[in-house]
Amino acid sequence: MASVISQPNGRWMIQFIGADRKKRSIRLGKVESVARSWSLRVDELLGSLIRDEPISRNCSVWLSGLPDMMHAKL
C-alpha cells in the first residue's frame, strides 16, 4: 500500500514497498491531489505485479500519458 506523506517543505511524496520488498519513495511536488492520485495508481500497479495480472486499461492509458521523467520515477 502506498502512503501519501507531507514533507516539511510543503511538498508531497508517496512511499511504498516494492515487489522486491524494498522501501521506495517518489517525490511529486506541491499538489496533494497529484500525490493521492499517484498513490492509487502505484497501488494498482503493485497489486497487478504481485498477482501476476495485466494492468487495467485505465492504468495503461495513465502510464502512456506520463512524461519520460515521471516514467523514470516509477
PDB file of N, CA and C in Angstrom:
ATOM      1  N   MET A   1       0.835  -1.174   0.000  1.00  0.00           N
ATOM      2  CA  MET A   1       0.000   0.000   0.000  1.00  0.00           C
ATOM      3  C   MET A   1       0.885   1.245   0.000  1.00  0.00           C
ATOM      4  N   ALA A   2       0.577   2.159  -0.859  1.00  0.00           N
ATOM      5  CA  ALA A   2       1.334   3.406  -0.954  1.00  0.00           C
ATOM      6  C   ALA A   2       0.788   4.414   0.054  1.00  0.00           C
ATOM      7  N   SER A   3       1.691   5.109   0.715  1.00  0.00           N
ATOM      8  CA  SER A   3       1.317   6.131   1.693  1.00  0.00           C
ATOM      9  C   SER A   3       1.664   7.508   1.157  1.00  0.00           C
ATOM     10  N   VAL A   4       0.758   8.446   1.344  1.00  0.00           N
ATOM     11  CA  VAL A   4       0.990   9.831   0.942  1.00  0.00           C
ATOM     12  C   VAL A   4       1.555  10.562   2.150  1.00  0.00           C
ATOM     13  N   ILE A   5       2.681  11.234   1.946  1.00  0.00           N
ATOM     14  CA  ILE A   5       3.390  11.888   3.047  1.00  0.00           C
ATOM     15  C   ILE A   5       3.643  13.355   2.701  1.00  0.00           C
ATOM     16  N   SER A   6       3.330  14.224   3.667  1.00  0.00           N
ATOM     17  CA  SER A   6       3.618  15.648   3.532  1.00  0.00           C
ATOM     18  C   SER A   6       5.005  15.907   4.093  1.00  0.00           C
ATOM     19  N   GLN A   7       5.844  16.537   3.301  1.00  0.00           N
ATOM     20  CA  GLN A   7       7.187  16.865   3.749  1.00  0.00           C
ATOM     21  C   GLN A   7       7.186  18.255   4.384  1.00  0.00           C
ATOM     22  N   PRO A   8       8.167  18.547   5.240  1.00  0.00           N
ATOM     23  CA  PRO A   8       8.220  19.853   5.913  1.00  0.00           C
ATOM     24  C   PRO A   8       8.299  21.049   4.959  1.00  0.00           C
ATOM     25  N   ASN A   9       8.814  20.833   3.761  1.00  0.00           N
ATOM     26  CA  ASN A   9       8.957  21.940   2.796  1.00  0.00           C
ATOM     27  C   ASN A   9       7.681  22.186   1.987  1.00  0.00           C
ATOM     28  N   GLY A  10       6.578  21.526   2.353  1.00  0.00           N
ATOM     29  CA  GLY A  10       5.303  21.720   1.673  1.00  0.00           C
ATOM     30  C   GLY A  10       5.105  20.841   0.460  1.00  0.00           C
ATOM     31  N   ARG A  11       6.049  19.998   0.182  1.00  0.00           N
ATOM     32  CA  ARG A  11       5.930  19.085  -0.961  1.00  0.00           C
ATOM     33  C   ARG A  11       5.368  17.742  -0.502  1.00  0.00           C
ATOM     34  N   TRP A  12       4.904  16.974  -1.456  1.00  0.00           N
ATOM     35  CA  TRP A  12       4.281  15.680  -1.175  1.00  0.00           C
ATOM     36  C   TRP A  12       5.082  14.560  -1.820  1.00  0.00           C
ATOM     37  N   MET A  13       5.037  13.411  -1.193  1.00  0.00           N
ATOM     38  CA  MET A  13       5.661  12.231  -1.778  1.00  0.00           C
ATOM     39  C   MET A  13       4.840  11.013  -1.399  1.00  0.00           C
ATOM     40  N   ILE A  14       5.067   9.935  -2.120  1.00  0.00           N
ATOM     41  CA  ILE A  14       4.461   8.665  -1.736  1.00  0.00           C
ATOM     42  C   ILE A  14       5.582   7.687  -1.414  1.00  0.00           C
ATOM     43  N   GLN A  15       5.308   6.832  -0.453  1.00  0.00           N
ATOM     44  CA  GLN A  15       6.234   5.766  -0.088  1.00  0.00           C
ATOM     45  C   GLN A  15       5.487   4.447  -0.174  1.00  0.00           C
ATOM     46  N   PHE A  16       6.198   3.425  -0.613  1.00  0.00           N
ATOM     47  CA  PHE A  16       5.600   2.103  -0.741  1.00  0.00           C
ATOM     48  C   PHE A  16       6.687   1.049  -0.694  1.00  0.00           C
ATOM     49  N   ILE A  17       6.286  -0.173  -0.472  1.00  0.00           N
ATOM     50  CA  ILE A  17       7.192  -1.314  -0.512  1.00  0.00           C
ATOM     51  C   ILE A  17       7.038  -1.938  -1.895  1.00  0.00           C
ATOM     52  N   GLY A  18       8.128  -1.974  -2.640  1.00  0.00           N
ATOM     53  CA  GLY A  18       8.095  -2.521  -3.991  1.00  0.00           C
ATOM     54  C   GLY A  18       7.990  -4.036  -4.000  1.00  0.00           C
ATOM     55  N   ALA A  19       7.812  -4.588  -5.180  1.00  0.00           N
ATOM     56  CA  ALA A  19       7.710  -6.042  -5.328  1.00  0.00           C
ATOM     57  C   ALA A  19       8.985  -6.733  -4.870  1.00  0.00           C
ATOM     58  N   ASP A  20      10.095  -5.995  -4.864  1.00  0.00           N
ATOM     59  CA  ASP A  20      11.374  -6.548  -4.413  1.00  0.00           C
ATOM     60  C   ASP A  20      11.559  -6.401  -2.897  1.00  0.00           C
ATOM     61  N   ARG A  21      10.489  -5.966  -2.201  1.00  0.00           N
ATOM     62  CA  ARG A  21      10.472  -5.803  -0.731  1.00  0.00           C
ATOM     63  C   ARG A  21      11.337  -4.652  -0.236  1.00  0.00           C
ATOM     64  N   LYS A  22      11.700  -3.726  -1.117  1.00  0.00           N
ATOM     65  CA  LYS A  22      12.478  -2.553  -0.718  1.00  0.00           C
ATOM     66  C   LYS A  22      11.550  -1.346  -0.606  1.00  0.00           C
ATOM     67  N   LYS A  23      11.829  -0.487   0.365  1.00  0.00           N
ATOM     68  CA  LYS A  23      11.053   0.722   0.553  1.00  0.00           C
ATOM     69  C   LYS A  23      11.422   1.732  -0.528  1.00  0.00           C
ATOM     70  N   ARG A  24      10.431   2.259  -1.188  1.00  0.00           N
ATOM     71  CA  ARG A  24      10.631   3.206  -2.287  1.00  0.00           C
ATOM     72  C   ARG A  24       9.894   4.508  -1.994  1.00  0.00           C
ATOM     73  N   SER A  25      10.414   5.601  -2.512  1.00  0.00           N
ATOM     74  CA  SER A  25       9.785   6.915  -2.377  1.00  0.00           C
ATOM     75  C   SER A  25       9.753   7.595  -3.733  1.00  0.00           C
ATOM     76  N   ILE A  26       8.669   8.309  -3.987  1.00  0.00           N
ATOM     77  CA  ILE A  26       8.555   9.122  -5.193  1.00  0.00           C
ATOM     78  C   ILE A  26       8.118  10.511  -4.744  1.00  0.00           C
ATOM     79  N   ARG A  27       8.940  11.500  -5.005  1.00  0.00           N
ATOM     80  CA  ARG A  27       8.618  12.881  -4.664  1.00  0.00           C
ATOM     81  C   ARG A  27       7.844  13.496  -5.826  1.00  0.00           C
ATOM     82  N   LEU A  28       6.726  14.152  -5.494  1.00  0.00           N
ATOM     83  CA  LEU A  28       5.809  14.572  -6.549  1.00  0.00           C
ATOM     84  C   LEU A  28       5.495  16.056  -6.613  1.00  0.00           C
ATOM     85  N   GLY A  29       5.966  16.861  -5.721  1.00  0.00           N
ATOM     86  CA  GLY A  29       5.716  18.294  -5.823  1.00  0.00           C
ATOM     87  C   GLY A  29       4.772  18.817  -4.769  1.00  0.00           C
ATOM     88  N   LYS A  30       4.146  19.952  -5.054  1.00  0.00           N
ATOM     89  CA  LYS A  30       3.382  20.673  -4.052  1.00  0.00           C
ATOM     90  C   LYS A  30       1.871  20.430  -4.083  1.00  0.00           C
ATOM     91  N   VAL A  31       1.365  19.631  -4.986  1.00  0.00           N
ATOM     92  CA  VAL A  31      -0.079  19.440  -5.109  1.00  0.00           C
ATOM     93  C   VAL A  31      -0.481  18.094  -4.486  1.00  0.00           C
ATOM     94  N   GLU A  32      -1.261  18.182  -3.409  1.00  0.00           N
ATOM     95  CA  GLU A  32      -1.655  16.972  -2.678  1.00  0.00           C
ATOM     96  C   GLU A  32      -2.494  16.034  -3.542  1.00  0.00           C
ATOM     97  N   SER A  33      -3.382  16.571  -4.353  1.00  0.00           N
ATOM     98  CA  SER A  33      -4.252  15.712  -5.157  1.00  0.00           C
ATOM     99  C   SER A  33      -3.443  14.869  -6.153  1.00  0.00           C
ATOM    100  N   VAL A  34      -2.346  15.413  -6.650  1.00  0.00           N
ATOM    101  CA  VAL A  34      -1.478  14.644  -7.549  1.00  0.00           C
ATOM    102  C   VAL A  34      -0.870  13.474  -6.792  1.00  0.00           C
ATOM    103  N   ALA A  35      -0.399  13.734  -5.585  1.00  0.00           N
ATOM    104  CA  ALA A  35       0.201  12.667  -4.770  1.00  0.00           C
ATOM    105  C   ALA A  35      -0.828  11.584  -4.463  1.00  0.00           C
ATOM    106  N   ARG A  36      -2.047  11.966  -4.142  1.00  0.00           N
ATOM    107  CA  ARG A  36      -3.091  10.976  -3.826  1.00  0.00           C
ATOM    108  C   ARG A  36      -3.461  10.157  -5.072  1.00  0.00           C
ATOM    109  N   SER A  37      -3.520  10.812  -6.206  1.00  0.00           N
ATOM    110  CA  SER A  37      -3.808  10.113  -7.458  1.00  0.00           C
ATOM    111  C   SER A  37      -2.707   9.101  -7.776  1.00  0.00           C
ATOM    112  N   TRP A  38      -1.462   9.536  -7.643  1.00  0.00           N
ATOM    113  CA  TRP A  38      -0.327   8.643  -7.884  1.00  0.00           C
ATOM    114  C   TRP A  38      -0.357   7.462  -6.923  1.00  0.00           C
ATOM    115  N   SER A  39      -0.725   7.719  -5.686  1.00  0.00           N
ATOM    116  CA  SER A  39      -0.776   6.657  -4.690  1.00  0.00           C
ATOM    117  C   SER A  39      -1.722   5.546  -5.132  1.00  0.00           C
ATOM    118  N   LEU A  40      -2.880   5.928  -5.637  1.00  0.00           N
ATOM    119  CA  LEU A  40      -3.847   4.934  -6.113  1.00  0.00           C
ATOM    120  C   LEU A  40      -3.297   4.140  -7.296  1.00  0.00           C
ATOM    121  N   ARG A  41      -2.641   4.834  -8.207  1.00  0.00           N
ATOM    122  CA  ARG A  41      -2.076   4.154  -9.388  1.00  0.00           C
ATOM    123  C   ARG A  41      -0.935   3.214  -9.005  1.00  0.00           C
ATOM    124  N   VAL A  42      -0.080   3.657  -8.094  1.00  0.00           N
ATOM    125  CA  VAL A  42       1.030   2.804  -7.653  1.00  0.00           C
ATOM    126  C   VAL A  42       0.478   1.564  -6.959  1.00  0.00           C
ATOM    127  N   ASP A  43      -0.558   1.730  -6.137  1.00  0.00           N
ATOM    128  CA  ASP A  43      -1.192   0.572  -5.500  1.00  0.00           C
ATOM    129  C   ASP A  43      -1.715  -0.414  -6.547  1.00  0.00           C
ATOM    130  N   GLU A  44      -2.349   0.136  -7.578  1.00  0.00           N
ATOM    131  CA  GLU A  44      -2.882  -0.717  -8.636  1.00  0.00           C
ATOM    132  C   GLU A  44      -1.761  -1.453  -9.377  1.00  0.00           C
ATOM    133  N   LEU A  45      -0.691  -0.740  -9.700  1.00  0.00           N
ATOM    134  CA  LEU A  45       0.438  -1.360 -10.397  1.00  0.00           C
ATOM    135  C   LEU A  45       1.091  -2.452  -9.554  1.00  0.00           C
ATOM    136  N   LEU A  46       1.305  -2.171  -8.272  1.00  0.00           N
ATOM    137  CA  LEU A  46       1.912  -3.169  -7.388  1.00  0.00           C
ATOM    138  C   LEU A  46       1.019  -4.397  -7.243  1.00  0.00           C
ATOM    139  N   GLY A  47      -0.283  -4.164  -7.099  1.00  0.00           N
ATOM    140  CA  GLY A  47      -1.214  -5.280  -6.987  1.00  0.00           C
ATOM    141  C   GLY A  47      -1.178  -6.172  -8.215  1.00  0.00           C
ATOM    142  N   SER A  48      -1.159  -5.558  -9.384  1.00  0.00           N
ATOM    143  CA  SER A  48      -1.092  -6.330 -10.630  1.00  0.00           C
ATOM    144  C   SER A  48       0.213  -7.114 -10.728  1.00  0.00           C
ATOM    145  N   LEU A  49       1.298  -6.488 -10.319  1.00  0.00           N
ATOM    146  CA  LEU A  49       2.605  -7.139 -10.358  1.00  0.00           C
ATOM    147  C   LEU A  49       2.651  -8.331  -9.398  1.00  0.00           C
ATOM    148  N   ILE A  50       2.171  -8.128  -8.195  1.00  0.00           N
ATOM    149  CA  ILE A  50       2.193  -9.197  -7.187  1.00  0.00           C
ATOM    150  C   ILE A  50       1.291 -10.359  -7.587  1.00  0.00           C
ATOM    151  N   ARG A  51       0.110 -10.049  -8.131  1.00  0.00           N
ATOM    152  CA  ARG A  51      -0.834 -11.102  -8.531  1.00  0.00           C
ATOM    153  C   ARG A  51      -0.532 -11.672  -9.913  1.00  0.00           C
ATOM    154  N   ASP A  52       0.486 -11.099 -10.591  1.00  0.00           N
ATOM    155  CA  ASP A  52       0.866 -11.515 -11.943  1.00  0.00           C
ATOM    156  C   ASP A  52      -0.318 -11.402 -12.902  1.00  0.00           C
ATOM    157  N   GLU A  53      -0.988 -10.251 -12.833  1.00  0.00           N
ATOM    158  CA  GLU A  53      -2.126  -9.960 -13.696  1.00  0.00           C
ATOM    159  C   GLU A  53      -1.793  -8.747 -14.569  1.00  0.00           C
ATOM    160  N   PRO A  54      -2.454  -8.627 -15.702  1.00  0.00           N
ATOM    161  CA  PRO A  54      -2.232  -7.429 -16.527  1.00  0.00           C
ATOM    162  C   PRO A  54      -2.832  -6.201 -15.846  1.00  0.00           C
ATOM    163  N   ILE A  55      -2.264  -5.039 -16.134  1.00  0.00           N
ATOM    164  CA  ILE A  55      -2.805  -3.811 -15.560  1.00  0.00           C
ATOM    165  C   ILE A  55      -4.085  -3.427 -16.300  1.00  0.00           C
ATOM    166  N   SER A  56      -4.915  -2.630 -15.651  1.00  0.00           N
ATOM    167  CA  SER A  56      -6.184  -2.221 -16.251  1.00  0.00           C
ATOM    168  C   SER A  56      -5.941  -1.262 -17.422  1.00  0.00           C
ATOM    169  N   ARG A  57      -6.939  -1.132 -18.244  1.00  0.00           N
ATOM    170  CA  ARG A  57      -6.840  -0.216 -19.392  1.00  0.00           C
ATOM    171  C   ARG A  57      -6.652   1.218 -18.906  1.00  0.00           C
ATOM    172  N   ASN A  58      -7.389   1.611 -17.863  1.00  0.00           N
ATOM    173  CA  ASN A  58      -7.263   2.978 -17.336  1.00  0.00           C
ATOM    174  C   ASN A  58      -5.843   3.261 -16.867  1.00  0.00           C
ATOM    175  N   CYS A  59      -5.250   2.303 -16.172  1.00  0.00           N
ATOM    176  CA  CYS A  59      -3.883   2.482 -15.680  1.00  0.00           C
ATOM    177  C   CYS A  59      -2.900   2.524 -16.855  1.00  0.00           C
ATOM    178  N   SER A  60      -3.148   1.721 -17.856  1.00  0.00           N
ATOM    179  CA  SER A  60      -2.294   1.709 -19.038  1.00  0.00           C
ATOM    180  C   SER A  60      -2.340   3.054 -19.761  1.00  0.00           C
ATOM    181  N   VAL A  61      -3.522   3.620 -19.885  1.00  0.00           N
ATOM    182  CA  VAL A  61      -3.674   4.930 -20.521  1.00  0.00           C
ATOM    183  C   VAL A  61      -2.956   5.990 -19.688  1.00  0.00           C
ATOM    184  N   TRP A  62      -3.097   5.926 -18.364  1.00  0.00           N
ATOM    185  CA  TRP A  62      -2.413   6.867 -17.475  1.00  0.00           C
ATOM    186  C   TRP A  62      -0.897   6.773 -17.665  1.00  0.00           C
ATOM    187  N   LEU A  63      -0.379   5.546 -17.682  1.00  0.00           N
ATOM    188  CA  LEU A  63       1.061   5.356 -17.863  1.00  0.00           C
ATOM    189  C   LEU A  63       1.546   5.900 -19.196  1.00  0.00           C
ATOM    190  N   SER A  64       0.790   5.659 -20.245  1.00  0.00           N
ATOM    191  CA  SER A  64       1.222   6.109 -21.570  1.00  0.00           C
ATOM    192  C   SER A  64       1.220   7.632 -21.688  1.00  0.00           C
ATOM    193  N   GLY A  65       0.446   8.314 -20.847  1.00  0.00           N
ATOM    194  CA  GLY A  65       0.396   9.759 -20.894  1.00  0.00           C
ATOM    195  C   GLY A  65       1.448  10.462 -20.041  1.00  0.00           C
ATOM    196  N   LEU A  66       2.221   9.697 -19.282  1.00  0.00           N
ATOM    197  CA  LEU A  66       3.232  10.295 -18.424  1.00  0.00           C
ATOM    198  C   LEU A  66       4.476  10.710 -19.204  1.00  0.00           C
ATOM    199  N   PRO A  67       5.091  11.823 -18.835  1.00  0.00           N
ATOM    200  CA  PRO A  67       6.351  12.188 -19.478  1.00  0.00           C
ATOM    201  C   PRO A  67       7.473  11.246 -19.045  1.00  0.00           C
ATOM    202  N   ASP A  68       8.547  11.215 -19.806  1.00  0.00           N
ATOM    203  CA  ASP A  68       9.670  10.314 -19.530  1.00  0.00           C
ATOM    204  C   ASP A  68      10.233  10.478 -18.129  1.00  0.00           C
ATOM    205  N   MET A  69      10.272  11.715 -17.636  1.00  0.00           N
ATOM    206  CA  MET A  69      10.808  11.963 -16.298  1.00  0.00           C
ATOM    207  C   MET A  69       9.981  11.230 -15.234  1.00  0.00           C
ATOM    208  N   MET A  70       8.674  11.187 -15.423  1.00  0.00           N
ATOM    209  CA  MET A  70       7.815  10.506 -14.454  1.00  0.00           C
ATOM    210  C   MET A  70       7.927   8.988 -14.597  1.00  0.00           C
ATOM    211  N   HIS A  71       8.122   8.517 -15.814  1.00  0.00           N
ATOM    212  CA  HIS A  71       8.367   7.074 -16.002  1.00  0.00           C
ATOM    213  C   HIS A  71       9.615   6.653 -15.256  1.00  0.00           C
ATOM    214  N   ALA A  72      10.619   7.489 -15.299  1.00  0.00           N
ATOM    215  CA  ALA A  72      11.879   7.173 -14.596  1.00  0.00           C
ATOM    216  C   ALA A  72      11.651   7.061 -13.099  1.00  0.00           C
ATOM    217  N   LYS A  73      10.750   7.855 -12.551  1.00  0.00           N
ATOM    218  CA  LYS A  73      10.465   7.777 -11.117  1.00  0.00           C
ATOM    219  C   LYS A  73       9.808   6.459 -10.740  1.00  0.00           C
ATOM    220  N   LEU A  74       9.016   5.924 -11.658  1.00  0.00           N
ATOM    221  CA  LEU A  74       8.370   4.644 -11.394  1.00  0.00           C
ATOM    222  C   LEU A  74       9.353   3.506 -11.559  1.00  0.00           C
TER     223      LEU A  74
END
